[in-house]
Amino acid sequence: MFSELYARYAADIDQAMRDVVVTFADAPTDLNTMISYPLGWVNAEGEIYTKQTGKRVRPILLLACLEAADGDWK
């Protein structure tokens, strides 16, 4: 069931997070790694990380609850 929720919400959650973090695009590489690593976008070496991480669990659960209560999650 979580895979279905992940597929439904993850892209929008990631885009919203990236819209906020984009302000750091011109920052030094070390700073970008420090910002991107906890978000699950890169590994500890700063290389792109594409596997699913637990960083989306809370936002996905929030959006699923909102939708279950007849709210518009978008």
Protein backbone atom coordinates (compact mmCIF):
# COMPACT_ATOMS: atom_id res chain seq x y z
CA MET A 1 0.00 0.00 0.00
CA PHE A 2 2.81 2.44 0.79
CA SER A 3 4.25 1.94 -2.69
CA GLU A 4 0.96 3.14 -4.16
CA LEU A 5 0.97 6.22 -1.92
CA TYR A 6 4.63 6.86 -2.74
CA ALA A 7 3.87 6.69 -6.45
CA ARG A 8 0.95 9.10 -6.04
CA TYR A 9 2.63 11.81 -3.96
CA ALA A 10 6.44 11.54 -4.11
CA ALA A 11 7.04 13.52 -7.30
CA ASP A 12 5.01 16.49 -6.06
CA ILE A 13 6.65 16.38 -2.63
CA ASP A 14 10.12 16.27 -4.19
CA GLN A 15 9.28 19.17 -6.51
CA ALA A 16 8.00 21.30 -3.63
CA MET A 17 11.16 20.55 -1.64
CA ARG A 18 13.39 21.35 -4.62
CA ASP A 19 11.54 24.63 -5.21
CA VAL A 20 12.54 25.70 -1.70
CA VAL A 21 16.12 24.43 -1.88
CA VAL A 22 16.78 25.88 -5.33
CA THR A 23 17.81 29.11 -3.61
CA PHE A 24 21.06 27.32 -2.71
CA ALA A 25 21.88 26.29 -6.29
CA ASP A 26 24.88 28.64 -6.48
CA ALA A 27 26.27 27.56 -3.12
CA PRO A 28 29.61 25.72 -2.87
CA THR A 29 29.50 21.99 -3.49
CA ASP A 30 30.06 21.11 0.19
CA LEU A 31 27.09 23.24 1.22
CA ASN A 32 24.88 21.69 -1.45
CA THR A 33 25.87 18.23 -0.21
CA MET A 34 25.10 19.23 3.38
CA ILE A 35 21.65 20.43 2.28
CA SER A 36 20.86 17.61 -0.17
CA TYR A 37 22.10 14.63 1.86
CA PRO A 38 19.50 14.81 4.66
CA LEU A 39 16.80 15.16 2.02
CA GLY A 40 17.90 11.90 0.41
CA TRP A 41 18.92 13.45 -2.91
CA VAL A 42 22.64 12.60 -2.71
CA ASN A 43 24.78 10.12 -0.79
CA ALA A 44 27.49 11.16 1.69
CA GLU A 45 29.95 11.69 -1.19
CA GLY A 46 27.58 14.09 -2.97
CA GLU A 47 26.65 11.62 -5.71
CA ILE A 48 23.03 11.52 -6.91
CA TYR A 49 20.97 9.02 -4.90
CA THR A 50 17.91 7.62 -6.67
CA LYS A 51 16.66 4.96 -4.26
CA GLN A 52 13.56 5.55 -2.14
CA THR A 53 14.33 6.86 1.31
CA GLY A 54 12.24 7.30 4.42
CA LYS A 55 12.40 11.09 4.04
CA ARG A 56 9.00 11.12 2.31
CA VAL A 57 7.05 9.03 4.85
CA ARG A 58 5.64 11.89 6.96
CA PRO A 59 4.65 14.14 4.05
CA ILE A 60 3.07 11.19 2.22
CA LEU A 61 1.08 10.21 5.31
CA LEU A 62 -0.05 13.80 5.77
CA LEU A 63 -1.29 14.06 2.18
CA ALA A 64 -3.01 10.66 2.40
CA CYS A 65 -4.83 11.76 5.59
CA LEU A 66 -5.85 15.01 4.00
CA GLU A 67 -7.22 13.20 0.97
CA ALA A 68 -9.03 10.65 3.20
CA ALA A 69 -10.77 13.59 4.92
CA ASP A 70 -12.03 14.78 1.49
CA GLY A 71 -9.42 17.51 1.25
CA ASP A 72 -7.70 18.52 -1.95
CA TRP A 73 -4.07 17.56 -1.37
CA LYS A 74 -2.85 19.72 -4.24
